[in-house]
Amino acid sequence: MDESNDHRRNSDADPSLDEIIMQQGKGPIDDLSVLRGDFWPEEESIEDFLAALHEWRGHKQADPAA
């Protein structure tokens, strides 16, 4: 591949942020509720998740700093 035409190596070929926004047809978010995810399983509590996270990270449950 000719490196002069490779956009990963040619900084002149990199589009500006404004150009990317125009290409994608996106703009500022007016309503923050569109960012709200609805993916947390109802049957799993946040306490269960945090306990698993501490276990995965190797923290002992009795460790107050964990």
Protein backbone atom coordinates (compact mmCIF):
# COMPACT_ATOMS: atom_id res chain seq x y z
CA MET A 1 0.00 0.00 0.00
CA ASP A 2 1.25 3.47 -0.83
CA GLU A 3 1.84 5.10 2.58
CA SER A 4 1.26 8.60 1.24
CA ASN A 5 -2.40 7.72 0.61
CA ASP A 6 -2.85 5.88 3.91
CA HIS A 7 -5.03 8.11 6.11
CA ARG A 8 -3.50 6.53 9.22
CA ARG A 9 -0.08 7.90 8.28
CA ASN A 10 -1.03 11.12 6.51
CA SER A 11 -2.14 13.76 9.02
CA ASP A 12 -3.37 15.98 6.17
CA ALA A 13 -5.94 13.29 5.33
CA ASP A 14 -7.41 13.27 8.84
CA PRO A 15 -10.78 15.01 8.89
CA SER A 16 -11.41 17.70 11.47
CA LEU A 17 -14.01 17.21 14.17
CA ASP A 18 -16.38 19.52 12.30
CA GLU A 19 -15.93 17.46 9.12
CA ILE A 20 -16.68 14.24 10.98
CA ILE A 21 -19.81 15.78 12.50
CA MET A 22 -20.99 16.90 9.06
CA GLN A 23 -20.24 13.47 7.52
CA GLN A 24 -22.17 11.66 10.25
CA GLY A 25 -25.03 14.12 10.40
CA LYS A 26 -24.78 14.36 14.17
CA GLY A 27 -24.91 17.33 16.46
CA PRO A 28 -25.19 18.28 20.11
CA ILE A 29 -27.41 16.21 22.37
CA ASP A 30 -30.37 18.25 23.61
CA ASP A 31 -32.04 15.54 25.68
CA LEU A 32 -29.80 13.63 28.12
CA SER A 33 -32.40 10.87 28.49
CA VAL A 34 -31.27 9.48 25.11
CA LEU A 35 -28.02 8.47 26.82
CA ARG A 36 -29.77 6.47 29.54
CA GLY A 37 -29.14 2.78 29.16
CA ASP A 38 -31.71 0.14 30.05
CA PHE A 39 -29.43 -2.84 30.25
CA TRP A 40 -29.18 -3.71 33.94
CA PRO A 41 -30.88 -7.03 34.71
CA GLU A 42 -33.73 -6.53 37.19
CA GLU A 43 -32.85 -9.70 39.08
CA GLU A 44 -29.30 -8.51 39.83
CA SER A 45 -28.79 -5.96 42.57
CA ILE A 46 -26.00 -3.41 42.52
CA GLU A 47 -24.70 -5.00 45.73
CA ASP A 48 -24.32 -8.36 43.94
CA PHE A 49 -22.45 -6.66 41.10
CA LEU A 50 -20.12 -4.79 43.45
CA ALA A 51 -19.40 -7.97 45.42
CA ALA A 52 -18.53 -9.80 42.18
CA LEU A 53 -16.38 -6.88 41.04
CA HIS A 54 -14.42 -6.92 44.29
CA GLU A 55 -13.98 -10.69 43.97
CA TRP A 56 -12.77 -10.40 40.35
CA ARG A 57 -10.28 -7.74 41.38
CA GLY A 58 -8.94 -9.99 44.14
CA HIS A 59 -10.18 -7.94 47.10
CA LYS A 60 -11.20 -9.76 50.21
CA GLN A 61 -14.74 -9.02 51.36
CA ALA A 62 -13.47 -8.44 54.92
CA ASP A 63 -11.00 -5.84 53.68
CA PRO A 64 -12.52 -2.45 54.58
CA ALA A 65 -10.38 -0.68 51.95
CA ALA A 66 -11.76 -2.84 49.14
